[in-house]
Protein backbone atom coordinates (compact mmCIF):
# COMPACT_ATOMS: atom_id res chain seq x y z
CA UNK A 1 16.25 -1.29 64.97
CA UNK A 2 17.49 2.30 64.83
CA UNK A 3 18.99 4.12 61.84
CA UNK A 4 22.56 3.38 62.90
CA UNK A 5 21.86 -0.33 63.07
CA UNK A 6 20.22 -0.30 59.67
CA UNK A 7 23.19 1.57 58.22
CA UNK A 8 25.61 -0.92 59.72
CA UNK A 9 23.56 -3.82 58.36
CA UNK A 10 23.54 -2.30 54.90
CA UNK A 11 27.31 -1.83 55.01
CA UNK A 12 27.81 -5.43 56.03
CA UNK A 13 25.49 -6.77 53.29
CA UNK A 14 26.35 -4.35 50.50
CA UNK A 15 27.52 -7.05 48.13
CA UNK A 16 24.29 -9.00 48.62
CA UNK A 17 22.20 -5.90 47.97
CA UNK A 18 24.21 -5.01 44.88
CA UNK A 19 23.76 -8.54 43.60
CA UNK A 20 20.00 -8.40 44.16
CA UNK A 21 19.70 -5.00 42.50
CA UNK A 22 21.82 -6.18 39.57
CA UNK A 23 19.59 -9.23 39.15
CA UNK A 24 16.47 -7.05 39.19
CA UNK A 25 17.98 -4.69 36.60
CA UNK A 26 18.98 -7.66 34.44
CA UNK A 27 15.47 -9.12 34.57
CA UNK A 28 13.89 -5.76 33.67
CA UNK A 29 16.36 -5.28 30.81
CA UNK A 30 15.66 -8.78 29.50
CA UNK A 31 11.89 -8.13 29.58
CA UNK A 32 12.34 -4.83 27.74
CA UNK A 33 14.68 -6.41 25.19
CA UNK A 34 12.27 -9.28 24.62
CA UNK A 35 9.42 -6.86 24.03
CA UNK A 36 11.54 -4.85 21.63
CA UNK A 37 12.53 -8.01 19.76
CA UNK A 38 8.87 -8.99 19.39
CA UNK A 39 8.07 -5.51 18.16
CA UNK A 40 10.84 -5.64 15.58
CA UNK A 41 9.73 -9.10 14.51
CA UNK A 42 6.15 -7.88 14.04
CA UNK A 43 7.41 -4.92 12.01
CA UNK A 44 9.55 -7.21 9.84
CA UNK A 45 6.60 -9.56 9.31
CA UNK A 46 4.35 -6.64 8.39
CA UNK A 47 6.92 -5.33 5.90
CA UNK A 48 7.13 -8.80 4.36
CA UNK A 49 3.35 -9.00 4.17
CA UNK A 50 3.14 -5.58 2.53
CA UNK A 51 5.72 -6.63 -0.04
CA UNK A 52 3.83 -9.84 -0.84
CA UNK A 53 0.51 -7.98 -0.95
CA UNK A 54 1.93 -5.37 -3.35
CA UNK A 55 3.19 -8.09 -5.70
CA UNK A 56 -0.04 -10.09 -5.53
CA UNK A 57 -2.08 -6.91 -6.08
CA UNK A 58 -0.11 -6.19 -9.26
CA UNK A 59 -0.76 -9.75 -10.40
CA UNK A 60 -4.45 -9.44 -9.51
CA UNK A 61 -4.84 -6.16 -11.38
CA UNK A 62 -3.38 -7.76 -14.50
CA UNK A 63 -5.65 -10.80 -14.07
CA UNK A 64 -8.79 -8.65 -13.73
CA UNK A 65 -7.85 -6.61 -16.79
CA UNK A 66 -7.15 -9.76 -18.81
CA UNK A 67 -10.45 -11.36 -17.82
CA UNK A 68 -12.30 -8.22 -18.92
CA UNK A 69 -10.48 -8.30 -22.25
CA UNK A 70 -11.33 -11.98 -22.71
CA UNK A 71 -15.01 -11.29 -22.07
CA UNK A 72 -14.92 -8.51 -24.65
CA UNK A 73 -13.07 -10.77 -27.08
CA UNK A 74 -15.66 -13.56 -27.00
CA UNK A 75 -18.50 -11.05 -27.26
CA UNK A 76 -17.00 -9.50 -30.39
CA UNK A 77 -15.61 -12.66 -32.01
CA UNK A 78 -17.76 -12.23 -35.14
CA UNK A 79 -16.38 -8.71 -35.73
CA UNK A 80 -12.87 -9.83 -36.63
CA UNK A 81 -12.08 -9.11 -40.25
CA UNK A 82 -11.01 -12.67 -41.02
CA UNK A 83 -10.07 -15.98 -39.49
CA UNK A 84 -6.39 -15.07 -39.22
CA UNK A 85 -7.15 -11.93 -37.21
CA UNK A 86 -9.46 -13.89 -34.94
CA UNK A 87 -6.88 -16.63 -34.30
CA UNK A 88 -4.15 -14.06 -33.58
CA UNK A 89 -6.33 -12.34 -30.99
CA UNK A 90 -7.41 -15.66 -29.50
CA UNK A 91 -3.82 -16.88 -29.18
CA UNK A 92 -2.89 -13.65 -27.42
CA UNK A 93 -5.72 -14.12 -24.89
CA UNK A 94 -4.67 -17.72 -24.23
CA UNK A 95 -1.05 -16.75 -23.65
CA UNK A 96 -2.06 -14.04 -21.17
CA UNK A 97 -4.34 -16.40 -19.23
CA UNK A 98 -1.89 -19.30 -19.11
CA UNK A 99 0.98 -17.13 -17.84
CA UNK A 100 -1.29 -15.55 -15.24
CA UNK A 101 -2.16 -18.99 -13.87
CA UNK A 102 1.49 -19.93 -13.49
CA UNK A 103 2.45 -16.53 -12.05
CA UNK A 104 -0.44 -16.85 -9.63
CA UNK A 105 1.05 -20.06 -8.22
CA UNK A 106 3.66 -17.86 -6.51
CA UNK A 107 0.91 -16.38 -4.31
CA UNK A 108 -1.72 -19.13 -4.32
CA UNK A 109 -0.12 -22.60 -4.10
CA UNK A 110 -2.14 -25.69 -4.88
CA UNK A 111 -4.25 -27.22 -2.12
CA UNK A 112 -3.51 -30.70 -0.73
CA UNK A 113 -0.20 -31.18 -2.64
CA UNK A 114 0.40 -34.56 -0.98
CA UNK A 115 -2.99 -35.98 -1.92
CA UNK A 116 -3.23 -35.42 -5.67
CA UNK A 117 -0.83 -35.37 -8.61
CA UNK A 118 2.17 -36.43 -6.55
CA UNK A 119 3.90 -37.55 -9.76
CA UNK A 120 3.93 -33.97 -11.08
CA UNK A 121 6.43 -31.16 -10.50
CA UNK A 122 6.15 -29.56 -7.07
CA UNK A 123 4.16 -26.47 -8.10
CA UNK A 124 1.54 -28.57 -9.92
CA UNK A 125 0.76 -31.13 -7.23
CA UNK A 126 -2.62 -30.91 -5.53
CA UNK A 127 -5.71 -28.97 -6.59
CA UNK A 128 -5.76 -25.42 -7.89
CA UNK A 129 -7.24 -22.88 -5.45
CA UNK A 130 -10.50 -21.20 -6.57
CA UNK A 131 -8.77 -17.98 -7.67
CA UNK A 132 -6.65 -19.88 -10.20
CA UNK A 133 -9.56 -22.10 -11.21
CA UNK A 134 -11.39 -18.93 -12.26
CA UNK A 135 -8.57 -18.11 -14.68
CA UNK A 136 -8.35 -21.71 -15.88
CA UNK A 137 -12.08 -21.87 -16.63
CA UNK A 138 -11.83 -18.62 -18.61
CA UNK A 139 -8.88 -20.12 -20.52
CA UNK A 140 -10.93 -23.18 -21.50
CA UNK A 141 -13.87 -21.00 -22.55
CA UNK A 142 -11.68 -18.88 -24.81
CA UNK A 143 -9.88 -21.97 -26.10
CA UNK A 144 -13.20 -23.51 -27.17
CA UNK A 145 -14.50 -20.30 -28.79
CA UNK A 146 -14.75 -20.15 -32.58
CA UNK A 147 -15.32 -17.14 -34.81
CA UNK A 148 -18.55 -18.63 -36.10
CA UNK A 149 -21.06 -21.06 -34.57
CA UNK A 150 -20.96 -22.26 -30.98
CA UNK A 151 -22.82 -20.74 -28.00
CA UNK A 152 -24.10 -17.13 -28.24
CA UNK A 153 -21.36 -14.54 -27.80
CA UNK A 154 -23.12 -12.78 -24.94
CA UNK A 155 -23.48 -16.06 -23.06
CA UNK A 156 -19.74 -16.70 -23.46
CA UNK A 157 -18.97 -13.24 -22.13
CA UNK A 158 -21.30 -13.69 -19.16
CA UNK A 159 -19.53 -16.91 -18.19
CA UNK A 160 -16.11 -15.22 -18.19
CA UNK A 161 -17.58 -12.34 -16.17
CA UNK A 162 -18.69 -14.87 -13.55
CA UNK A 163 -15.16 -16.23 -13.43
CA UNK A 164 -13.81 -12.71 -13.00
CA UNK A 165 -16.16 -12.02 -10.09
CA UNK A 166 -14.91 -15.15 -8.32
CA UNK A 167 -11.32 -14.06 -8.89
CA UNK A 168 -12.02 -10.56 -7.52
CA UNK A 169 -13.73 -11.95 -4.42
CA UNK A 170 -10.85 -14.32 -3.70
CA UNK A 171 -8.24 -11.63 -4.28
CA UNK A 172 -10.06 -9.28 -1.92
CA UNK A 173 -10.09 -11.94 0.79
CA UNK A 174 -6.38 -12.56 0.24
CA UNK A 175 -5.51 -8.87 0.63
CA UNK A 176 -7.80 -8.14 3.60
CA UNK A 177 -5.57 -6.24 6.11
CA UNK A 178 -7.63 -7.49 9.06
CA UNK A 179 -6.68 -11.07 8.52
CA UNK A 180 -4.33 -12.38 11.19
CA UNK A 181 -3.21 -15.59 9.52
CA UNK A 182 0.50 -16.10 9.02
CA UNK A 183 1.89 -14.71 5.78
CA UNK A 184 3.00 -17.93 4.18
CA UNK A 185 0.01 -20.03 5.18
CA UNK A 186 -2.77 -17.48 5.22
CA UNK A 187 -4.56 -18.87 2.15
CA UNK A 188 -4.49 -22.45 3.42
CA UNK A 189 -5.62 -21.32 6.89
CA UNK A 190 -8.78 -19.59 5.72
CA UNK A 191 -11.88 -20.45 7.69
CA UNK A 192 -13.59 -23.66 6.59
CA UNK A 193 -16.83 -21.76 5.98
CA UNK A 194 -15.25 -19.28 3.54
CA UNK A 195 -13.30 -21.96 1.72
CA UNK A 196 -16.36 -24.21 1.43
CA UNK A 197 -18.31 -21.35 -0.15
CA UNK A 198 -15.53 -20.67 -2.66
CA UNK A 199 -15.26 -24.36 -3.52
CA UNK A 200 -19.03 -24.50 -3.98
CA UNK A 201 -18.84 -21.61 -6.45
CA UNK A 202 -15.97 -23.31 -8.25
CA UNK A 203 -17.99 -26.54 -8.49
CA UNK A 204 -20.95 -24.68 -9.97
CA UNK A 205 -18.74 -22.99 -12.58
CA UNK A 206 -17.06 -26.30 -13.37
CA UNK A 207 -20.47 -27.90 -13.93
CA UNK A 208 -21.59 -25.08 -16.22
CA UNK A 209 -18.40 -25.28 -18.28
CA UNK A 210 -18.65 -29.05 -18.68
CA UNK A 211 -22.30 -28.70 -19.69
CA UNK A 212 -21.40 -26.07 -22.26
CA UNK A 213 -18.17 -27.73 -23.38
CA UNK A 214 -18.58 -31.48 -22.76
CA UNK A 215 -15.29 -32.34 -24.50
CA UNK A 216 -13.17 -30.03 -22.36
CA UNK A 217 -10.65 -31.72 -20.04
CA UNK A 218 -10.18 -29.34 -17.11
CA UNK A 219 -7.18 -30.93 -15.43
CA UNK A 220 -4.85 -31.22 -18.41
CA UNK A 221 -1.84 -28.98 -18.87
CA UNK A 222 -1.84 -25.99 -21.19
CA UNK A 223 0.59 -27.65 -23.60
CA UNK A 224 -1.70 -30.62 -24.24
CA UNK A 225 -3.86 -28.74 -26.71
CA UNK A 226 -2.42 -25.47 -27.96
CA UNK A 227 -3.59 -25.75 -31.56
CA UNK A 228 -6.55 -23.44 -32.16
CA UNK A 229 -9.65 -25.35 -33.17
CA UNK A 230 -10.97 -24.91 -36.65
CA UNK A 231 -14.27 -23.14 -37.17
CA UNK A 232 -17.22 -25.46 -37.69
């Protein structure tokens, strides 16, 4: 087939060729648009993650600071001028810890909400994650602390420091930029090995607290016992 024949064939099938070329262009455009949409979606997801991380980091910084203050409070409980000053400081610590637990539920929802406490309000169903358990254990330790008597002050402070270390470790895992879990479910989707280790640490701390404070009820609400205990 010579050049003239090819030219004549092209003239006779121009509409077909234009249709084919248009289809090819449409497919290429669709592929490019799809890739751009995915890119924009990833950028939007990353911006959302950064926003959540910034808010949870602010919460975590406050929690770490509060835990440190609680440890210092129990270590210096005997230095308060009188019982009224001690109770005022203790009440302040308890308020800070209790609000941190509830604020933390915005970032760390309870585990297994359909398997435990289904009669409770939505945010309180299930089991607290280890990072909130650390705060709760510190709350119960401070709650049980008296100005005189009780366990040695340094021992009380060491226990709260252990709780703070667990909180810091869990917060660091939550904020790790290399994690690829989805934003909303990333805490629940942690590897079984990491979660098992955290739960094991929580169990050990729970056992220590119950040994030290056998009358403490760990799963009750904050409002069930807000009256400071009297010194023995």
